[in-house]
Protein backbone atom coordinates (compact mmCIF):
# COMPACT_ATOMS: atom_id res chain seq x y z
CA UNK A 1 -1.74 -18.07 -45.17
CA UNK A 2 -2.23 -18.25 -49.07
CA UNK A 3 -3.84 -14.80 -48.77
CA UNK A 4 -0.53 -13.40 -47.69
CA UNK A 5 1.82 -15.58 -50.49
CA UNK A 6 2.95 -17.88 -47.66
CA UNK A 7 2.34 -21.83 -47.63
CA UNK A 8 1.91 -24.24 -44.73
CA UNK A 9 0.71 -27.76 -44.31
CA UNK A 10 -0.41 -29.56 -41.30
CA UNK A 11 1.58 -32.73 -40.29
CA UNK A 12 -0.79 -34.74 -37.81
CA UNK A 13 1.70 -36.79 -35.61
CA UNK A 14 0.83 -38.64 -32.37
CA UNK A 15 3.77 -37.19 -30.28
CA UNK A 16 4.05 -35.10 -27.25
CA UNK A 17 6.12 -31.96 -27.65
CA UNK A 18 9.16 -33.42 -26.07
CA UNK A 19 8.98 -36.27 -28.78
CA UNK A 20 8.76 -34.19 -31.45
CA UNK A 21 12.18 -32.06 -29.92
CA UNK A 22 13.90 -35.26 -29.36
CA UNK A 23 13.02 -37.10 -32.90
CA UNK A 24 12.87 -34.45 -35.45
CA UNK A 25 16.26 -34.25 -36.98
CA UNK A 26 16.89 -38.04 -36.58
CA UNK A 27 16.90 -40.69 -39.49
CA UNK A 28 13.31 -41.32 -40.44
CA UNK A 29 10.09 -40.58 -42.21
CA UNK A 30 8.94 -37.91 -39.75
CA UNK A 31 12.06 -36.04 -40.58
CA UNK A 32 12.15 -36.49 -44.19
CA UNK A 33 8.61 -35.48 -44.55
CA UNK A 34 9.44 -32.15 -42.31
CA UNK A 35 12.44 -31.61 -44.52
CA UNK A 36 10.54 -32.21 -47.93
CA UNK A 37 8.00 -29.80 -46.82
CA UNK A 38 11.02 -27.30 -45.89
CA UNK A 39 12.48 -28.03 -49.60
CA UNK A 40 9.15 -26.40 -50.93
CA UNK A 41 9.58 -23.38 -49.45
CA UNK A 42 12.57 -22.07 -51.60
CA UNK A 43 15.85 -22.87 -53.15
CA UNK A 44 17.89 -21.44 -50.55
CA UNK A 45 16.31 -23.91 -47.99
CA UNK A 46 17.01 -26.65 -50.42
CA UNK A 47 20.63 -25.96 -50.57
CA UNK A 48 20.87 -25.58 -47.04
CA UNK A 49 19.18 -29.01 -46.65
CA UNK A 50 21.35 -30.81 -49.03
CA UNK A 51 24.40 -29.43 -47.06
CA UNK A 52 23.52 -31.40 -43.79
CA UNK A 53 25.21 -34.80 -43.17
């Protein structure tokens, strides 16, 4: 990814696909970690995340 100017990270969680779908976006450390990574991708994404309730 870096060769193409992209950034990636692996967040290992012991969840099944359906559990990821139901838990991501709910308050808690899992969502916080994902949003922290997303915010690192750029100003526009950080601003969008800041607008979320």
